[in-house]
């Protein structure tokens, strides 16, 4: 329905690479260049500047990208509203989710959603909370699902499901026999922590504040970028880690890991959907409502 040249520009602007844009659009690179040149000729202004092998948007290119975001958002809403009249939903849905949610919460939900709405193409970007916020701000995703504690005024937050971060050790750890330890014991215990920007790390920092303890006060043995790597490391070390209860159900059942509570340390949290204020509705709202009513077992 919309002008294909705008789609070509939009793809190049997001990729900042003519070759990758051509591959995504299934056309030749000369064809991509031709469409961009035709837009530039029509408006009599350059949209991209070259710097060696790299390209970047000019000020005019940034303006056009801003309007493309609005135009394509409106087209998406139009298609959704017309399809809603016949209950035949289709289109593309770009979701961004922090690692814990993407690995341990979303898979059964996505499978169920696909069975119900098989004409909706879902893509999932997996990054930490900080990166998901950046992707949303850059319009690389339609909405995100994050695990962070703080709120950014640029975004709208909607509650998803409850989670609990639990301190865990290997079942043969010296602390495994204890049901609870003190804050002082925690500070002296070697820890595995997630990378900077992680929502889990943010929740831990927030929980330690009332005890006047900073992350830098902890005995961090190593920072690892994934829950799976932390779980594997735990089984071969004398460390403790903080992990989502959703991520260790199998390990608890098979007696590989043990929960060791820390007295007076509250690590409850809520996963949130995150959207830009004023963003278009349609498929994102359909998924969010579906997810909020999904029966997680």
C-alpha atoms as a PDB file:
ATOM      1  CA  UNK A   1       0.000   0.000   0.000  1.00  0.00           C
ATOM      2  CA  UNK A   2       2.729   2.485   0.933  1.00  0.00           C
ATOM      3  CA  UNK A   3       5.429   3.905  -1.288  1.00  0.00           C
ATOM      4  CA  UNK A   4       8.116   1.260  -1.651  1.00  0.00           C
ATOM      5  CA  UNK A   5      10.810   3.939  -1.845  1.00  0.00           C
ATOM      6  CA  UNK A   6      10.039   4.953   1.728  1.00  0.00           C
ATOM      7  CA  UNK A   7      10.395   1.337   2.819  1.00  0.00           C
ATOM      8  CA  UNK A   8      13.791   1.191   1.096  1.00  0.00           C
ATOM      9  CA  UNK A   9      14.909   4.398   2.827  1.00  0.00           C
ATOM     10  CA  UNK A  10      13.579   3.160   6.176  1.00  0.00           C
ATOM     11  CA  UNK A  11      15.467  -0.134   5.868  1.00  0.00           C
ATOM     12  CA  UNK A  12      18.737   1.580   4.917  1.00  0.00           C
ATOM     13  CA  UNK A  13      18.289   4.101   7.740  1.00  0.00           C
ATOM     14  CA  UNK A  14      17.830   1.345  10.317  1.00  0.00           C
ATOM     15  CA  UNK A  15      20.648  -0.831   8.984  1.00  0.00           C
ATOM     16  CA  UNK A  16      22.991   1.970   7.877  1.00  0.00           C
ATOM     17  CA  UNK A  17      24.211  -0.496   5.284  1.00  0.00           C
ATOM     18  CA  UNK A  18      23.075  -0.680   1.642  1.00  0.00           C
ATOM     19  CA  UNK A  19      24.089  -4.331   1.228  1.00  0.00           C
ATOM     20  CA  UNK A  20      22.207  -5.544   4.315  1.00  0.00           C
ATOM     21  CA  UNK A  21      19.177  -3.461   3.339  1.00  0.00           C
ATOM     22  CA  UNK A  22      19.185  -5.041  -0.129  1.00  0.00           C
ATOM     23  CA  UNK A  23      19.316  -8.523   1.410  1.00  0.00           C
ATOM     24  CA  UNK A  24      16.444  -7.752   3.756  1.00  0.00           C
ATOM     25  CA  UNK A  25      14.312  -6.298   0.955  1.00  0.00           C
ATOM     26  CA  UNK A  26      15.267  -9.074  -1.515  1.00  0.00           C
ATOM     27  CA  UNK A  27      16.377  -6.585  -4.184  1.00  0.00           C
ATOM     28  CA  UNK A  28      19.779  -5.670  -5.630  1.00  0.00           C
ATOM     29  CA  UNK A  29      22.076  -3.092  -4.081  1.00  0.00           C
ATOM     30  CA  UNK A  30      21.939  -0.902  -7.232  1.00  0.00           C
ATOM     31  CA  UNK A  31      18.156  -0.923  -6.914  1.00  0.00           C
ATOM     32  CA  UNK A  32      18.458   0.273  -3.319  1.00  0.00           C
ATOM     33  CA  UNK A  33      20.795   3.080  -4.387  1.00  0.00           C
ATOM     34  CA  UNK A  34      18.422   4.062  -7.209  1.00  0.00           C
ATOM     35  CA  UNK A  35      15.439   4.386  -4.865  1.00  0.00           C
ATOM     36  CA  UNK A  36      17.438   6.521  -2.421  1.00  0.00           C
ATOM     37  CA  UNK A  37      18.673   8.751  -5.257  1.00  0.00           C
ATOM     38  CA  UNK A  38      15.102   9.238  -6.498  1.00  0.00           C
ATOM     39  CA  UNK A  39      13.962  10.405  -3.044  1.00  0.00           C
ATOM     40  CA  UNK A  40      16.958  12.741  -2.766  1.00  0.00           C
ATOM     41  CA  UNK A  41      16.271  14.085  -6.268  1.00  0.00           C
ATOM     42  CA  UNK A  42      12.614  14.713  -5.454  1.00  0.00           C
ATOM     43  CA  UNK A  43      13.364  16.635  -2.235  1.00  0.00           C
ATOM     44  CA  UNK A  44      16.637  18.084  -3.584  1.00  0.00           C
ATOM     45  CA  UNK A  45      18.543  17.178  -0.429  1.00  0.00           C
ATOM     46  CA  UNK A  46      20.944  14.460   0.658  1.00  0.00           C
ATOM     47  CA  UNK A  47      19.708  11.824   3.100  1.00  0.00           C
ATOM     48  CA  UNK A  48      22.977   9.975   3.788  1.00  0.00           C
ATOM     49  CA  UNK A  49      26.636  10.914   4.080  1.00  0.00           C
ATOM     50  CA  UNK A  50      29.494   8.497   3.502  1.00  0.00           C
ATOM     51  CA  UNK A  51      32.511   8.257   5.790  1.00  0.00           C
ATOM     52  CA  UNK A  52      34.820   5.647   4.318  1.00  0.00           C
ATOM     53  CA  UNK A  53      32.874   2.386   4.210  1.00  0.00           C
ATOM     54  CA  UNK A  54      30.268   3.650   6.646  1.00  0.00           C
ATOM     55  CA  UNK A  55      27.176   5.788   6.102  1.00  0.00           C
ATOM     56  CA  UNK A  56      25.175   7.941   8.470  1.00  0.00           C
ATOM     57  CA  UNK A  57      21.986   9.971   8.273  1.00  0.00           C
ATOM     58  CA  UNK A  58      22.106  13.653   7.470  1.00  0.00           C
ATOM     59  CA  UNK A  59      19.825  16.033   9.353  1.00  0.00           C
ATOM     60  CA  UNK A  60      17.303  15.679   6.508  1.00  0.00           C
ATOM     61  CA  UNK A  61      17.605  11.898   6.739  1.00  0.00           C
ATOM     62  CA  UNK A  62      16.819  12.067  10.442  1.00  0.00           C
ATOM     63  CA  UNK A  63      13.697  14.133   9.727  1.00  0.00           C
ATOM     64  CA  UNK A  64      12.522  11.671   7.088  1.00  0.00           C
ATOM     65  CA  UNK A  65      13.173   8.714   9.426  1.00  0.00           C
ATOM     66  CA  UNK A  66      11.064  10.407  12.109  1.00  0.00           C
ATOM     67  CA  UNK A  67       8.112  10.693   9.741  1.00  0.00           C
ATOM     68  CA  UNK A  68       8.626   7.158   8.404  1.00  0.00           C
ATOM     69  CA  UNK A  69       8.259   5.854  11.956  1.00  0.00           C
ATOM     70  CA  UNK A  70       4.926   7.652  12.245  1.00  0.00           C
ATOM     71  CA  UNK A  71       3.742   6.649   8.770  1.00  0.00           C
ATOM     72  CA  UNK A  72       4.532   2.950   9.177  1.00  0.00           C
ATOM     73  CA  UNK A  73       3.049   2.994  12.659  1.00  0.00           C
ATOM     74  CA  UNK A  74      -0.202   4.365  11.252  1.00  0.00           C
ATOM     75  CA  UNK A  75      -0.207   1.767   8.477  1.00  0.00           C
ATOM     76  CA  UNK A  76       0.207  -0.924  11.123  1.00  0.00           C
ATOM     77  CA  UNK A  77      -2.718   0.468  13.123  1.00  0.00           C
ATOM     78  CA  UNK A  78      -4.836   0.725   9.972  1.00  0.00           C
ATOM     79  CA  UNK A  79      -4.147  -2.900   9.042  1.00  0.00           C
ATOM     80  CA  UNK A  80      -4.840  -4.045  12.599  1.00  0.00           C
ATOM     81  CA  UNK A  81      -8.164  -2.192  12.870  1.00  0.00           C
ATOM     82  CA  UNK A  82      -9.394  -3.477   9.496  1.00  0.00           C
ATOM     83  CA  UNK A  83      -8.339  -7.039  10.316  1.00  0.00           C
ATOM     84  CA  UNK A  84      -9.986  -6.767  13.726  1.00  0.00           C
ATOM     85  CA  UNK A  85     -13.374  -6.359  12.022  1.00  0.00           C
ATOM     86  CA  UNK A  86     -13.023  -9.895  10.655  1.00  0.00           C
ATOM     87  CA  UNK A  87     -10.831 -11.164  13.530  1.00  0.00           C
ATOM     88  CA  UNK A  88      -8.058 -12.048  11.084  1.00  0.00           C
ATOM     89  CA  UNK A  89      -4.934 -10.598  12.627  1.00  0.00           C
ATOM     90  CA  UNK A  90      -1.688 -10.513  10.675  1.00  0.00           C
ATOM     91  CA  UNK A  91       1.476  -8.474  10.421  1.00  0.00           C
ATOM     92  CA  UNK A  92       4.884  -8.248  12.074  1.00  0.00           C
ATOM     93  CA  UNK A  93       5.478  -7.878  15.791  1.00  0.00           C
ATOM     94  CA  UNK A  94       8.950  -6.960  17.081  1.00  0.00           C
ATOM     95  CA  UNK A  95       9.487  -7.820  20.732  1.00  0.00           C
ATOM     96  CA  UNK A  96      12.538  -7.084  22.838  1.00  0.00           C
ATOM     97  CA  UNK A  97      13.053  -9.002  26.071  1.00  0.00           C
ATOM     98  CA  UNK A  98      15.739  -9.151  28.706  1.00  0.00           C
ATOM     99  CA  UNK A  99      17.630 -12.421  28.877  1.00  0.00           C
ATOM    100  CA  UNK A 100      15.885 -14.113  31.812  1.00  0.00           C
ATOM    101  CA  UNK A 101      12.426 -13.403  30.410  1.00  0.00           C
ATOM    102  CA  UNK A 102      13.333 -14.469  26.879  1.00  0.00           C
ATOM    103  CA  UNK A 103      14.896 -17.751  27.975  1.00  0.00           C
ATOM    104  CA  UNK A 104      12.653 -18.936  30.785  1.00  0.00           C
ATOM    105  CA  UNK A 105       9.284 -17.151  30.584  1.00  0.00           C
ATOM    106  CA  UNK A 106       8.403 -16.336  26.984  1.00  0.00           C
ATOM    107  CA  UNK A 107       8.914 -19.593  24.991  1.00  0.00           C
ATOM    108  CA  UNK A 108       5.667 -21.366  26.028  1.00  0.00           C
ATOM    109  CA  UNK A 109       3.739 -18.095  25.737  1.00  0.00           C
ATOM    110  CA  UNK A 110       5.098 -17.416  22.243  1.00  0.00           C
ATOM    111  CA  UNK A 111       4.240 -20.951  21.125  1.00  0.00           C
ATOM    112  CA  UNK A 112       0.702 -20.575  22.431  1.00  0.00           C
ATOM    113  CA  UNK A 113       0.316 -17.132  20.836  1.00  0.00           C
ATOM    114  CA  UNK A 114       1.511 -18.483  17.474  1.00  0.00           C
ATOM    115  CA  UNK A 115      -1.049 -21.286  17.548  1.00  0.00           C
ATOM    116  CA  UNK A 116      -3.796 -18.703  18.123  1.00  0.00           C
ATOM    117  CA  UNK A 117      -2.497 -16.053  15.671  1.00  0.00           C
ATOM    118  CA  UNK A 118      -0.425 -17.942  13.116  1.00  0.00           C
ATOM    119  CA  UNK A 119      -0.482 -15.058  10.582  1.00  0.00           C
ATOM    120  CA  UNK A 120       1.385 -12.741  12.968  1.00  0.00           C
ATOM    121  CA  UNK A 121       5.154 -12.904  12.437  1.00  0.00           C
ATOM    122  CA  UNK A 122       6.948 -12.447  15.744  1.00  0.00           C
ATOM    123  CA  UNK A 123      10.638 -11.583  16.057  1.00  0.00           C
ATOM    124  CA  UNK A 124      12.349 -11.576  19.450  1.00  0.00           C
ATOM    125  CA  UNK A 125      15.428  -9.506  20.297  1.00  0.00           C
ATOM    126  CA  UNK A 126      17.275 -10.656  23.426  1.00  0.00           C
ATOM    127  CA  UNK A 127      19.373  -8.091  25.322  1.00  0.00           C
ATOM    128  CA  UNK A 128      19.753  -6.751  28.829  1.00  0.00           C
ATOM    129  CA  UNK A 129      17.308  -4.191  30.209  1.00  0.00           C
ATOM    130  CA  UNK A 130      19.428  -1.166  29.314  1.00  0.00           C
ATOM    131  CA  UNK A 131      19.805  -2.302  25.703  1.00  0.00           C
ATOM    132  CA  UNK A 132      16.088  -3.033  25.375  1.00  0.00           C
ATOM    133  CA  UNK A 133      15.311   0.543  26.419  1.00  0.00           C
ATOM    134  CA  UNK A 134      17.733   1.832  23.783  1.00  0.00           C
ATOM    135  CA  UNK A 135      16.176  -0.386  21.090  1.00  0.00           C
ATOM    136  CA  UNK A 136      12.703   0.880  21.993  1.00  0.00           C
ATOM    137  CA  UNK A 137      13.858   4.481  21.888  1.00  0.00           C
ATOM    138  CA  UNK A 138      15.400   3.838  18.454  1.00  0.00           C
ATOM    139  CA  UNK A 139      12.198   2.185  17.227  1.00  0.00           C
ATOM    140  CA  UNK A 140      14.022  -1.095  16.574  1.00  0.00           C
ATOM    141  CA  UNK A 141      11.302  -2.949  18.517  1.00  0.00           C
ATOM    142  CA  UNK A 142       7.575  -2.364  19.093  1.00  0.00           C
ATOM    143  CA  UNK A 143       7.723  -2.969  22.847  1.00  0.00           C
ATOM    144  CA  UNK A 144       9.944  -4.573  25.430  1.00  0.00           C
ATOM    145  CA  UNK A 145       9.622  -6.850  28.433  1.00  0.00           C
ATOM    146  CA  UNK A 146      12.139  -6.026  31.140  1.00  0.00           C
ATOM    147  CA  UNK A 147      13.182  -6.963  34.654  1.00  0.00           C
ATOM    148  CA  UNK A 148      14.621  -3.669  35.915  1.00  0.00           C
ATOM    149  CA  UNK A 149      13.711  -1.764  39.058  1.00  0.00           C
ATOM    150  CA  UNK A 150      13.917   1.888  37.973  1.00  0.00           C
ATOM    151  CA  UNK A 151      11.462   3.705  35.723  1.00  0.00           C
ATOM    152  CA  UNK A 152      12.286   6.056  32.845  1.00  0.00           C
ATOM    153  CA  UNK A 153       9.801   8.880  32.226  1.00  0.00           C
ATOM    154  CA  UNK A 154      10.112   8.321  28.458  1.00  0.00           C
ATOM    155  CA  UNK A 155       8.324   4.994  28.721  1.00  0.00           C
ATOM    156  CA  UNK A 156       4.981   3.553  29.741  1.00  0.00           C
ATOM    157  CA  UNK A 157       5.216   0.522  32.063  1.00  0.00           C
ATOM    158  CA  UNK A 158       2.580  -2.215  32.377  1.00  0.00           C
ATOM    159  CA  UNK A 159       2.875  -5.036  34.916  1.00  0.00           C
ATOM    160  CA  UNK A 160       3.389  -8.511  33.500  1.00  0.00           C
ATOM    161  CA  UNK A 161       4.124 -11.228  36.076  1.00  0.00           C
ATOM    162  CA  UNK A 162       5.746 -11.509  39.494  1.00  0.00           C
ATOM    163  CA  UNK A 163       9.282 -12.796  39.923  1.00  0.00           C
ATOM    164  CA  UNK A 164      11.641 -13.424  42.794  1.00  0.00           C
ATOM    165  CA  UNK A 165      15.425 -13.287  42.692  1.00  0.00           C
ATOM    166  CA  UNK A 166      16.879 -15.920  44.992  1.00  0.00           C
ATOM    167  CA  UNK A 167      20.426 -16.426  46.338  1.00  0.00           C
ATOM    168  CA  UNK A 168      21.597 -19.874  45.206  1.00  0.00           C
ATOM    169  CA  UNK A 169      24.627 -22.106  45.636  1.00  0.00           C
ATOM    170  CA  UNK A 170      25.624 -25.551  44.416  1.00  0.00           C
ATOM    171  CA  UNK A 171      24.117 -28.354  46.497  1.00  0.00           C
ATOM    172  CA  UNK A 172      27.594 -29.289  47.805  1.00  0.00           C
ATOM    173  CA  UNK A 173      28.426 -25.697  48.844  1.00  0.00           C
ATOM    174  CA  UNK A 174      29.369 -25.097  52.481  1.00  0.00           C
ATOM    175  CA  UNK A 175      26.313 -22.820  52.864  1.00  0.00           C
ATOM    176  CA  UNK A 176      23.872 -25.273  51.241  1.00  0.00           C
ATOM    177  CA  UNK A 177      22.845 -26.756  54.596  1.00  0.00           C
ATOM    178  CA  UNK A 178      21.848 -23.331  55.949  1.00  0.00           C
ATOM    179  CA  UNK A 179      18.352 -22.035  55.326  1.00  0.00           C
ATOM    180  CA  UNK A 180      19.355 -18.431  55.989  1.00  0.00           C
ATOM    181  CA  UNK A 181      22.491 -16.316  56.267  1.00  0.00           C
ATOM    182  CA  UNK A 182      23.091 -12.768  57.482  1.00  0.00           C
ATOM    183  CA  UNK A 183      23.893  -9.704  55.402  1.00  0.00           C
ATOM    184  CA  UNK A 184      27.391  -9.825  56.883  1.00  0.00           C
ATOM    185  CA  UNK A 185      27.870 -13.388  55.623  1.00  0.00           C
ATOM    186  CA  UNK A 186      26.658 -12.326  52.184  1.00  0.00           C
ATOM    187  CA  UNK A 187      29.251  -9.550  51.985  1.00  0.00           C
ATOM    188  CA  UNK A 188      32.067 -12.002  52.711  1.00  0.00           C
ATOM    189  CA  UNK A 189      30.852 -14.696  50.275  1.00  0.00           C
ATOM    190  CA  UNK A 190      32.317 -14.896  46.745  1.00  0.00           C
ATOM    191  CA  UNK A 191      29.598 -13.921  44.284  1.00  0.00           C
ATOM    192  CA  UNK A 192      28.808 -14.286  40.606  1.00  0.00           C
ATOM    193  CA  UNK A 193      27.011 -11.227  39.271  1.00  0.00           C
ATOM    194  CA  UNK A 194      25.411 -10.282  35.974  1.00  0.00           C
ATOM    195  CA  UNK A 195      26.921  -7.671  33.648  1.00  0.00           C
ATOM    196  CA  UNK A 196      26.368  -3.882  34.022  1.00  0.00           C
ATOM    197  CA  UNK A 197      22.995  -2.885  32.556  1.00  0.00           C
ATOM    198  CA  UNK A 198      21.336  -6.078  33.742  1.00  0.00           C
ATOM    199  CA  UNK A 199      17.929  -5.730  35.396  1.00  0.00           C
ATOM    200  CA  UNK A 200      18.884  -8.402  37.943  1.00  0.00           C
ATOM    201  CA  UNK A 201      21.929  -6.400  39.009  1.00  0.00           C
ATOM    202  CA  UNK A 202      19.763  -3.302  39.375  1.00  0.00           C
ATOM    203  CA  UNK A 203      17.317  -5.127  41.669  1.00  0.00           C
ATOM    204  CA  UNK A 204      20.163  -6.394  43.861  1.00  0.00           C
ATOM    205  CA  UNK A 205      21.614  -2.883  44.171  1.00  0.00           C
ATOM    206  CA  UNK A 206      18.171  -1.528  45.111  1.00  0.00           C
ATOM    207  CA  UNK A 207      17.663  -4.234  47.771  1.00  0.00           C
ATOM    208  CA  UNK A 208      21.039  -3.548  49.369  1.00  0.00           C
ATOM    209  CA  UNK A 209      20.461   0.205  49.751  1.00  0.00           C
ATOM    210  CA  UNK A 210      18.493   0.007  53.051  1.00  0.00           C
ATOM    211  CA  UNK A 211      21.483  -1.882  54.500  1.00  0.00           C
ATOM    212  CA  UNK A 212      23.939   0.822  53.349  1.00  0.00           C
ATOM    213  CA  UNK A 213      25.726  -1.701  51.158  1.00  0.00           C
ATOM    214  CA  UNK A 214      26.875  -1.011  47.624  1.00  0.00           C
ATOM    215  CA  UNK A 215      27.585  -3.505  44.869  1.00  0.00           C
ATOM    216  CA  UNK A 216      31.236  -2.526  45.150  1.00  0.00           C
ATOM    217  CA  UNK A 217      31.205  -3.771  48.772  1.00  0.00           C
ATOM    218  CA  UNK A 218      30.429  -7.317  47.629  1.00  0.00           C
ATOM    219  CA  UNK A 219      33.074  -9.959  46.937  1.00  0.00           C
ATOM    220  CA  UNK A 220      32.431 -10.258  43.216  1.00  0.00           C
ATOM    221  CA  UNK A 221      34.461 -13.146  41.815  1.00  0.00           C
ATOM    222  CA  UNK A 222      33.228 -12.646  38.263  1.00  0.00           C
ATOM    223  CA  UNK A 223      30.550 -10.944  36.163  1.00  0.00           C
ATOM    224  CA  UNK A 224      28.943 -13.137  33.513  1.00  0.00           C
ATOM    225  CA  UNK A 225      26.544 -12.155  30.749  1.00  0.00           C
ATOM    226  CA  UNK A 226      24.047 -15.007  30.906  1.00  0.00           C
ATOM    227  CA  UNK A 227      22.098 -17.015  33.444  1.00  0.00           C
ATOM    228  CA  UNK A 228      23.170 -20.323  31.880  1.00  0.00           C
ATOM    229  CA  UNK A 229      26.863 -19.487  32.246  1.00  0.00           C
ATOM    230  CA  UNK A 230      26.294 -18.482  35.877  1.00  0.00           C
ATOM    231  CA  UNK A 231      24.493 -21.744  36.658  1.00  0.00           C
ATOM    232  CA  UNK A 232      27.262 -23.793  35.074  1.00  0.00           C
ATOM    233  CA  UNK A 233      29.961 -21.820  36.920  1.00  0.00           C
ATOM    234  CA  UNK A 234      28.161 -22.334  40.238  1.00  0.00           C
ATOM    235  CA  UNK A 235      28.363 -26.100  39.877  1.00  0.00           C
ATOM    236  CA  UNK A 236      32.155 -25.866  39.670  1.00  0.00           C
ATOM    237  CA  UNK A 237      32.882 -23.212  42.290  1.00  0.00           C
ATOM    238  CA  UNK A 238      32.366 -22.069  45.855  1.00  0.00           C
ATOM    239  CA  UNK A 239      30.352 -19.018  44.780  1.00  0.00           C
ATOM    240  CA  UNK A 240      26.838 -17.772  45.366  1.00  0.00           C
ATOM    241  CA  UNK A 241      24.676 -16.087  42.739  1.00  0.00           C
ATOM    242  CA  UNK A 242      21.368 -14.242  42.525  1.00  0.00           C
ATOM    243  CA  UNK A 243      19.050 -15.782  39.927  1.00  0.00           C
ATOM    244  CA  UNK A 244      15.388 -15.594  38.943  1.00  0.00           C
ATOM    245  CA  UNK A 245      13.312 -18.395  40.449  1.00  0.00           C
ATOM    246  CA  UNK A 246      11.960 -18.995  36.925  1.00  0.00           C
ATOM    247  CA  UNK A 247      15.462 -19.884  35.705  1.00  0.00           C
ATOM    248  CA  UNK A 248      16.385 -22.573  38.250  1.00  0.00           C
ATOM    249  CA  UNK A 249      13.278 -24.762  38.574  1.00  0.00           C
ATOM    250  CA  UNK A 250      14.959 -27.771  36.934  1.00  0.00           C
ATOM    251  CA  UNK A 251      18.139 -27.383  38.995  1.00  0.00           C
ATOM    252  CA  UNK A 252      16.149 -27.211  42.238  1.00  0.00           C
ATOM    253  CA  UNK A 253      14.103 -30.261  41.289  1.00  0.00           C
ATOM    254  CA  UNK A 254      17.255 -32.231  40.429  1.00  0.00           C
ATOM    255  CA  UNK A 255      19.024 -31.063  43.592  1.00  0.00           C
ATOM    256  CA  UNK A 256      21.850 -29.357  41.716  1.00  0.00           C
ATOM    257  CA  UNK A 257      21.294 -25.934  43.289  1.00  0.00           C
ATOM    258  CA  UNK A 258      20.009 -24.817  46.700  1.00  0.00           C
ATOM    259  CA  UNK A 259      18.355 -21.573  47.768  1.00  0.00           C
ATOM    260  CA  UNK A 260      19.983 -19.850  50.746  1.00  0.00           C
ATOM    261  CA  UNK A 261      17.914 -16.902  51.947  1.00  0.00           C
ATOM    262  CA  UNK A 262      19.589 -13.721  53.160  1.00  0.00           C
ATOM    263  CA  UNK A 263      17.922 -12.281  56.262  1.00  0.00           C
ATOM    264  CA  UNK A 264      15.994  -9.024  55.681  1.00  0.00           C
ATOM    265  CA  UNK A 265      16.927  -8.857  51.994  1.00  0.00           C
ATOM    266  CA  UNK A 266      13.840  -8.380  49.799  1.00  0.00           C
ATOM    267  CA  UNK A 267      14.470  -9.399  46.184  1.00  0.00           C
ATOM    268  CA  UNK A 268      10.900  -9.565  44.882  1.00  0.00           C
ATOM    269  CA  UNK A 269      10.234  -7.831  41.591  1.00  0.00           C
ATOM    270  CA  UNK A 270       7.730  -7.566  38.763  1.00  0.00           C
ATOM    271  CA  UNK A 271       8.462  -8.028  35.074  1.00  0.00           C
ATOM    272  CA  UNK A 272       7.085  -5.114  33.044  1.00  0.00           C
ATOM    273  CA  UNK A 273       6.036  -4.428  29.487  1.00  0.00           C
ATOM    274  CA  UNK A 274       7.660  -1.213  28.343  1.00  0.00           C
ATOM    275  CA  UNK A 275       6.378   1.030  25.527  1.00  0.00           C
ATOM    276  CA  UNK A 276       6.985   4.528  24.268  1.00  0.00           C
ATOM    277  CA  UNK A 277       4.309   7.018  25.284  1.00  0.00           C
ATOM    278  CA  UNK A 278       2.106   7.850  22.329  1.00  0.00           C
ATOM    279  CA  UNK A 279       3.145   4.694  20.497  1.00  0.00           C
ATOM    280  CA  UNK A 280       0.739   3.022  18.112  1.00  0.00           C
ATOM    281  CA  UNK A 281      -1.597   0.343  19.398  1.00  0.00           C
ATOM    282  CA  UNK A 282      -2.652  -2.734  17.437  1.00  0.00           C
ATOM    283  CA  UNK A 283      -0.538  -5.887  17.543  1.00  0.00           C
ATOM    284  CA  UNK A 284       1.533  -4.822  20.591  1.00  0.00           C
ATOM    285  CA  UNK A 285      -1.646  -4.303  22.629  1.00  0.00           C
ATOM    286  CA  UNK A 286      -3.071  -7.601  21.352  1.00  0.00           C
ATOM    287  CA  UNK A 287       0.018  -9.483  22.533  1.00  0.00           C
ATOM    288  CA  UNK A 288       0.236  -7.686  25.874  1.00  0.00           C
ATOM    289  CA  UNK A 289      -3.381  -8.474  26.741  1.00  0.00           C
ATOM    290  CA  UNK A 290      -2.900 -12.073  25.621  1.00  0.00           C
ATOM    291  CA  UNK A 291       0.240 -12.425  27.741  1.00  0.00           C
ATOM    292  CA  UNK A 292      -1.326 -10.906  30.852  1.00  0.00           C
ATOM    293  CA  UNK A 293      -4.119 -13.505  30.738  1.00  0.00           C
ATOM    294  CA  UNK A 294      -1.857 -16.449  29.894  1.00  0.00           C
ATOM    295  CA  UNK A 295      -1.815 -19.229  32.484  1.00  0.00           C
ATOM    296  CA  UNK A 296       1.820 -19.740  33.454  1.00  0.00           C
ATOM    297  CA  UNK A 297       2.160 -23.121  35.138  1.00  0.00           C
END
